[in-house]
């Protein structure tokens, strides 16, 4: 999946990842969002981000190759 921007909001209980396209246009598009519980208690917040990205991949039916933790 090609996206222009990925944001991650890491809260105390929930991690929300949002992927955008056409970010340089006047009308950016939110392609999808994924949520997972925040994994700070596991000692690694990237686990929650990766799980939220997997949810996005399922929703869009495409694999995302843009982030390597």
PDB file of N, CA and C in Angstrom:
ATOM      1  N   UNK A   1       0.848  -1.174   0.000  1.00  0.00           N
ATOM      2  CA  UNK A   1       0.000   0.000   0.000  1.00  0.00           C
ATOM      3  C   UNK A   1       0.886   1.226   0.000  1.00  0.00           C
ATOM      4  N   UNK A   2       0.553   2.185  -0.828  1.00  0.00           N
ATOM      5  CA  UNK A   2       1.286   3.444  -0.878  1.00  0.00           C
ATOM      6  C   UNK A   2       0.500   4.489  -0.106  1.00  0.00           C
ATOM      7  N   UNK A   3       1.179   5.114   0.847  1.00  0.00           N
ATOM      8  CA  UNK A   3       0.568   6.192   1.612  1.00  0.00           C
ATOM      9  C   UNK A   3       1.551   7.349   1.668  1.00  0.00           C
ATOM     10  N   UNK A   4       1.029   8.553   1.872  1.00  0.00           N
ATOM     11  CA  UNK A   4       1.878   9.727   1.978  1.00  0.00           C
ATOM     12  C   UNK A   4       2.305  10.020   3.408  1.00  0.00           C
ATOM     13  N   UNK A   5       1.459   9.651   4.369  1.00  0.00           N
ATOM     14  CA  UNK A   5       1.730  10.003   5.758  1.00  0.00           C
ATOM     15  C   UNK A   5       1.103   8.971   6.684  1.00  0.00           C
ATOM     16  N   UNK A   6       1.851   8.596   7.715  1.00  0.00           N
ATOM     17  CA  UNK A   6       1.345   7.719   8.767  1.00  0.00           C
ATOM     18  C   UNK A   6       1.493   8.460  10.083  1.00  0.00           C
ATOM     19  N   UNK A   7       0.408   8.535  10.853  1.00  0.00           N
ATOM     20  CA  UNK A   7       0.488   9.133  12.179  1.00  0.00           C
ATOM     21  C   UNK A   7       0.111   8.074  13.211  1.00  0.00           C
ATOM     22  N   UNK A   8       0.718   8.199  14.386  1.00  0.00           N
ATOM     23  CA  UNK A   8       0.388   7.299  15.493  1.00  0.00           C
ATOM     24  C   UNK A   8       0.133   8.145  16.725  1.00  0.00           C
ATOM     25  N   UNK A   9      -1.040   7.987  17.293  1.00  0.00           N
ATOM     26  CA  UNK A   9      -1.381   8.631  18.552  1.00  0.00           C
ATOM     27  C   UNK A   9      -1.296   7.548  19.628  1.00  0.00           C
ATOM     28  N   UNK A  10      -0.351   7.706  20.528  1.00  0.00           N
ATOM     29  CA  UNK A  10      -0.118   6.704  21.554  1.00  0.00           C
ATOM     30  C   UNK A  10      -0.625   7.257  22.873  1.00  0.00           C
ATOM     31  N   UNK A  11      -1.795   6.793  23.253  1.00  0.00           N
ATOM     32  CA  UNK A  11      -2.411   7.259  24.487  1.00  0.00           C
ATOM     33  C   UNK A  11      -2.132   6.303  25.634  1.00  0.00           C
ATOM     34  N   UNK A  12      -2.710   6.598  26.768  1.00  0.00           N
ATOM     35  CA  UNK A  12      -2.463   5.766  27.946  1.00  0.00           C
ATOM     36  C   UNK A  12      -3.142   4.403  27.841  1.00  0.00           C
ATOM     37  N   UNK A  13      -4.198   4.292  27.034  1.00  0.00           N
ATOM     38  CA  UNK A  13      -4.890   3.010  26.898  1.00  0.00           C
ATOM     39  C   UNK A  13      -4.994   2.527  25.450  1.00  0.00           C
ATOM     40  N   UNK A  14      -4.996   3.442  24.490  1.00  0.00           N
ATOM     41  CA  UNK A  14      -5.222   3.080  23.092  1.00  0.00           C
ATOM     42  C   UNK A  14      -4.190   3.732  22.183  1.00  0.00           C
ATOM     43  N   UNK A  15      -3.716   2.967  21.200  1.00  0.00           N
ATOM     44  CA  UNK A  15      -2.861   3.479  20.128  1.00  0.00           C
ATOM     45  C   UNK A  15      -3.708   3.528  18.864  1.00  0.00           C
ATOM     46  N   UNK A  16      -3.731   4.685  18.210  1.00  0.00           N
ATOM     47  CA  UNK A  16      -4.484   4.859  16.969  1.00  0.00           C
ATOM     48  C   UNK A  16      -3.507   5.249  15.867  1.00  0.00           C
ATOM     49  N   UNK A  17      -3.509   4.486  14.797  1.00  0.00           N
ATOM     50  CA  UNK A  17      -2.674   4.769  13.634  1.00  0.00           C
ATOM     51  C   UNK A  17      -3.598   5.178  12.491  1.00  0.00           C
ATOM     52  N   UNK A  18      -3.237   6.271  11.818  1.00  0.00           N
ATOM     53  CA  UNK A  18      -4.011   6.781  10.689  1.00  0.00           C
ATOM     54  C   UNK A  18      -3.089   6.884   9.480  1.00  0.00           C
ATOM     55  N   UNK A  19      -3.560   6.439   8.319  1.00  0.00           N
ATOM     56  CA  UNK A  19      -2.786   6.560   7.085  1.00  0.00           C
ATOM     57  C   UNK A  19      -3.510   7.507   6.131  1.00  0.00           C
ATOM     58  N   UNK A  20      -2.721   8.389   5.518  1.00  0.00           N
ATOM     59  CA  UNK A  20      -3.237   9.429   4.626  1.00  0.00           C
ATOM     60  C   UNK A  20      -2.640   9.290   3.240  1.00  0.00           C
ATOM     61  N   UNK A  21      -3.377   9.774   2.255  1.00  0.00           N
ATOM     62  CA  UNK A  21      -2.901   9.887   0.880  1.00  0.00           C
ATOM     63  C   UNK A  21      -3.200  11.305   0.392  1.00  0.00           C
ATOM     64  N   UNK A  22      -2.514  11.711  -0.658  1.00  0.00           N
ATOM     65  CA  UNK A  22      -2.687  13.042  -1.275  1.00  0.00           C
ATOM     66  C   UNK A  22      -2.478  14.160  -0.248  1.00  0.00           C
ATOM     67  N   UNK A  23      -1.479  13.999   0.595  1.00  0.00           N
ATOM     68  CA  UNK A  23      -1.232  14.944   1.682  1.00  0.00           C
ATOM     69  C   UNK A  23      -0.810  16.321   1.159  1.00  0.00           C
ATOM     70  N   UNK A  24      -0.259  16.377  -0.037  1.00  0.00           N
ATOM     71  CA  UNK A  24       0.161  17.663  -0.605  1.00  0.00           C
ATOM     72  C   UNK A  24      -0.949  18.377  -1.365  1.00  0.00           C
ATOM     73  N   UNK A  25      -2.122  17.786  -1.412  1.00  0.00           N
ATOM     74  CA  UNK A  25      -3.229  18.410  -2.137  1.00  0.00           C
ATOM     75  C   UNK A  25      -4.077  19.258  -1.188  1.00  0.00           C
ATOM     76  N   UNK A  26      -5.049  19.932  -1.753  1.00  0.00           N
ATOM     77  CA  UNK A  26      -5.967  20.727  -0.934  1.00  0.00           C
ATOM     78  C   UNK A  26      -6.953  19.845  -0.173  1.00  0.00           C
ATOM     79  N   UNK A  27      -7.086  18.589  -0.604  1.00  0.00           N
ATOM     80  CA  UNK A  27      -8.026  17.671   0.038  1.00  0.00           C
ATOM     81  C   UNK A  27      -7.335  16.341   0.343  1.00  0.00           C
ATOM     82  N   UNK A  28      -6.523  16.316   1.401  1.00  0.00           N
ATOM     83  CA  UNK A  28      -5.912  15.032   1.785  1.00  0.00           C
ATOM     84  C   UNK A  28      -6.992  14.004   2.121  1.00  0.00           C
ATOM     85  N   UNK A  29      -6.649  12.753   1.942  1.00  0.00           N
ATOM     86  CA  UNK A  29      -7.597  11.661   2.159  1.00  0.00           C
ATOM     87  C   UNK A  29      -7.104  10.787   3.308  1.00  0.00           C
ATOM     88  N   UNK A  30      -7.989  10.507   4.257  1.00  0.00           N
ATOM     89  CA  UNK A  30      -7.699   9.498   5.266  1.00  0.00           C
ATOM     90  C   UNK A  30      -8.051   8.149   4.641  1.00  0.00           C
ATOM     91  N   UNK A  31      -7.045   7.314   4.441  1.00  0.00           N
ATOM     92  CA  UNK A  31      -7.285   6.011   3.831  1.00  0.00           C
ATOM     93  C   UNK A  31      -7.892   5.033   4.822  1.00  0.00           C
ATOM     94  N   UNK A  32      -7.391   5.064   6.063  1.00  0.00           N
ATOM     95  CA  UNK A  32      -7.887   4.127   7.059  1.00  0.00           C
ATOM     96  C   UNK A  32      -7.307   4.459   8.432  1.00  0.00           C
ATOM     97  N   UNK A  33      -7.912   3.867   9.456  1.00  0.00           N
ATOM     98  CA  UNK A  33      -7.398   3.950  10.823  1.00  0.00           C
ATOM     99  C   UNK A  33      -7.436   2.568  11.437  1.00  0.00           C
ATOM    100  N   UNK A  34      -6.461   2.324  12.320  1.00  0.00           N
ATOM    101  CA  UNK A  34      -6.439   1.084  13.080  1.00  0.00           C
ATOM    102  C   UNK A  34      -6.175   1.400  14.541  1.00  0.00           C
ATOM    103  N   UNK A  35      -6.790   0.624  15.416  1.00  0.00           N
ATOM    104  CA  UNK A  35      -6.619   0.810  16.859  1.00  0.00           C
ATOM    105  C   UNK A  35      -6.128  -0.474  17.505  1.00  0.00           C
ATOM    106  N   UNK A  36      -5.331  -0.315  18.547  1.00  0.00           N
ATOM    107  CA  UNK A  36      -4.906  -1.438  19.377  1.00  0.00           C
ATOM    108  C   UNK A  36      -4.620  -0.884  20.752  1.00  0.00           C
ATOM    109  N   UNK A  37      -4.685  -1.735  21.764  1.00  0.00           N
ATOM    110  CA  UNK A  37      -4.374  -1.221  23.093  1.00  0.00           C
ATOM    111  C   UNK A  37      -2.906  -0.806  23.148  1.00  0.00           C
ATOM    112  N   UNK A  38      -2.604   0.185  23.939  1.00  0.00           N
ATOM    113  CA  UNK A  38      -1.240   0.680  24.071  1.00  0.00           C
ATOM    114  C   UNK A  38      -0.397  -0.372  24.793  1.00  0.00           C
ATOM    115  N   UNK A  39       0.789  -0.615  24.259  1.00  0.00           N
ATOM    116  CA  UNK A  39       1.630  -1.699  24.767  1.00  0.00           C
ATOM    117  C   UNK A  39       2.792  -1.194  25.611  1.00  0.00           C
ATOM    118  N   UNK A  40       2.609  -0.089  26.289  1.00  0.00           N
ATOM    119  CA  UNK A  40       3.678   0.436  27.145  1.00  0.00           C
ATOM    120  C   UNK A  40       3.998  -0.545  28.272  1.00  0.00           C
ATOM    121  N   UNK A  41       2.995  -1.268  28.769  1.00  0.00           N
ATOM    122  CA  UNK A  41       3.236  -2.234  29.845  1.00  0.00           C
ATOM    123  C   UNK A  41       4.104  -3.403  29.404  1.00  0.00           C
ATOM    124  N   UNK A  42       4.127  -3.671  28.097  1.00  0.00           N
ATOM    125  CA  UNK A  42       5.017  -4.703  27.560  1.00  0.00           C
ATOM    126  C   UNK A  42       6.428  -4.171  27.371  1.00  0.00           C
ATOM    127  N   UNK A  43       6.612  -2.866  27.583  1.00  0.00           N
ATOM    128  CA  UNK A  43       7.938  -2.262  27.467  1.00  0.00           C
ATOM    129  C   UNK A  43       8.305  -1.819  26.067  1.00  0.00           C
ATOM    130  N   UNK A  44       7.336  -1.860  25.129  1.00  0.00           N
ATOM    131  CA  UNK A  44       7.644  -1.512  23.741  1.00  0.00           C
ATOM    132  C   UNK A  44       6.373  -1.003  23.055  1.00  0.00           C
ATOM    133  N   UNK A  45       6.298   0.298  22.860  1.00  0.00           N
ATOM    134  CA  UNK A  45       5.090   0.870  22.241  1.00  0.00           C
ATOM    135  C   UNK A  45       4.950   0.506  20.773  1.00  0.00           C
ATOM    136  N   UNK A  46       6.051   0.082  20.132  1.00  0.00           N
ATOM    137  CA  UNK A  46       5.954  -0.250  18.706  1.00  0.00           C
ATOM    138  C   UNK A  46       5.088  -1.478  18.461  1.00  0.00           C
ATOM    139  N   UNK A  47       4.917  -2.327  19.468  1.00  0.00           N
ATOM    140  CA  UNK A  47       4.050  -3.504  19.314  1.00  0.00           C
ATOM    141  C   UNK A  47       2.623  -3.051  18.996  1.00  0.00           C
ATOM    142  N   UNK A  48       2.122  -2.075  19.747  1.00  0.00           N
ATOM    143  CA  UNK A  48       0.776  -1.557  19.503  1.00  0.00           C
ATOM    144  C   UNK A  48       0.645  -0.895  18.141  1.00  0.00           C
ATOM    145  N   UNK A  49       1.696  -0.186  17.724  1.00  0.00           N
ATOM    146  CA  UNK A  49       1.687   0.452  16.401  1.00  0.00           C
ATOM    147  C   UNK A  49       1.631  -0.612  15.310  1.00  0.00           C
ATOM    148  N   UNK A  50       2.468  -1.637  15.432  1.00  0.00           N
ATOM    149  CA  UNK A  50       2.474  -2.704  14.436  1.00  0.00           C
ATOM    150  C   UNK A  50       1.123  -3.422  14.372  1.00  0.00           C
ATOM    151  N   UNK A  51       0.505  -3.667  15.520  1.00  0.00           N
ATOM    152  CA  UNK A  51      -0.807  -4.330  15.543  1.00  0.00           C
ATOM    153  C   UNK A  51      -1.874  -3.450  14.892  1.00  0.00           C
ATOM    154  N   UNK A  52      -1.821  -2.138  15.144  1.00  0.00           N
ATOM    155  CA  UNK A  52      -2.772  -1.218  14.511  1.00  0.00           C
ATOM    156  C   UNK A  52      -2.558  -1.185  13.001  1.00  0.00           C
ATOM    157  N   UNK A  53      -1.299  -1.229  12.553  1.00  0.00           N
ATOM    158  CA  UNK A  53      -1.017  -1.275  11.109  1.00  0.00           C
ATOM    159  C   UNK A  53      -1.559  -2.567  10.488  1.00  0.00           C
ATOM    160  N   UNK A  54      -1.470  -3.665  11.205  1.00  0.00           N
ATOM    161  CA  UNK A  54      -2.027  -4.935  10.697  1.00  0.00           C
ATOM    162  C   UNK A  54      -3.538  -4.830  10.504  1.00  0.00           C
ATOM    163  N   UNK A  55      -4.198  -4.126  11.418  1.00  0.00           N
ATOM    164  CA  UNK A  55      -5.644  -3.917  11.285  1.00  0.00           C
ATOM    165  C   UNK A  55      -5.939  -3.100  10.034  1.00  0.00           C
ATOM    166  N   UNK A  56      -5.143  -2.073   9.783  1.00  0.00           N
ATOM    167  CA  UNK A  56      -5.300  -1.256   8.569  1.00  0.00           C
ATOM    168  C   UNK A  56      -5.087  -2.116   7.331  1.00  0.00           C
ATOM    169  N   UNK A  57      -4.052  -2.963   7.347  1.00  0.00           N
ATOM    170  CA  UNK A  57      -3.797  -3.842   6.206  1.00  0.00           C
ATOM    171  C   UNK A  57      -5.008  -4.736   5.918  1.00  0.00           C
ATOM    172  N   UNK A  58      -5.614  -5.272   6.970  1.00  0.00           N
ATOM    173  CA  UNK A  58      -6.809  -6.111   6.787  1.00  0.00           C
ATOM    174  C   UNK A  58      -7.956  -5.314   6.184  1.00  0.00           C
ATOM    175  N   UNK A  59      -8.156  -4.091   6.695  1.00  0.00           N
ATOM    176  CA  UNK A  59      -9.246  -3.252   6.183  1.00  0.00           C
ATOM    177  C   UNK A  59      -9.058  -2.921   4.713  1.00  0.00           C
ATOM    178  N   UNK A  60      -7.819  -2.611   4.317  1.00  0.00           N
ATOM    179  CA  UNK A  60      -7.551  -2.188   2.941  1.00  0.00           C
ATOM    180  C   UNK A  60      -7.205  -3.356   2.017  1.00  0.00           C
ATOM    181  N   UNK A  61      -6.891  -4.501   2.593  1.00  0.00           N
ATOM    182  CA  UNK A  61      -6.548  -5.664   1.778  1.00  0.00           C
ATOM    183  C   UNK A  61      -5.185  -5.558   1.124  1.00  0.00           C
ATOM    184  N   UNK A  62      -4.294  -4.755   1.711  1.00  0.00           N
ATOM    185  CA  UNK A  62      -2.949  -4.578   1.164  1.00  0.00           C
ATOM    186  C   UNK A  62      -1.928  -4.564   2.286  1.00  0.00           C
ATOM    187  N   UNK A  63      -0.713  -5.006   1.984  1.00  0.00           N
ATOM    188  CA  UNK A  63       0.372  -4.992   2.957  1.00  0.00           C
ATOM    189  C   UNK A  63       1.086  -3.657   2.909  1.00  0.00           C
ATOM    190  N   UNK A  64       1.433  -3.143   4.091  1.00  0.00           N
ATOM    191  CA  UNK A  64       2.164  -1.878   4.188  1.00  0.00           C
ATOM    192  C   UNK A  64       3.631  -2.181   4.442  1.00  0.00           C
ATOM    193  N   UNK A  65       4.516  -1.582   3.630  1.00  0.00           N
ATOM    194  CA  UNK A  65       5.951  -1.865   3.720  1.00  0.00           C
ATOM    195  C   UNK A  65       6.770  -0.656   4.156  1.00  0.00           C
ATOM    196  N   UNK A  66       6.136   0.363   4.714  1.00  0.00           N
ATOM    197  CA  UNK A  66       6.838   1.618   4.926  1.00  0.00           C
ATOM    198  C   UNK A  66       7.583   1.795   6.225  1.00  0.00           C
ATOM    199  N   UNK A  67       7.336   0.979   7.252  1.00  0.00           N
ATOM    200  CA  UNK A  67       7.972   1.193   8.544  1.00  0.00           C
ATOM    201  C   UNK A  67       8.667  -0.078   8.983  1.00  0.00           C
ATOM    202  N   UNK A  68       9.910   0.065   9.383  1.00  0.00           N
ATOM    203  CA  UNK A  68      10.640  -1.067   9.967  1.00  0.00           C
ATOM    204  C   UNK A  68      11.095  -0.667  11.346  1.00  0.00           C
ATOM    205  N   UNK A  69      10.576  -1.328  12.357  1.00  0.00           N
ATOM    206  CA  UNK A  69      10.978  -1.027  13.737  1.00  0.00           C
ATOM    207  C   UNK A  69      12.151  -1.897  14.116  1.00  0.00           C
TER     208      UNK A  69
END
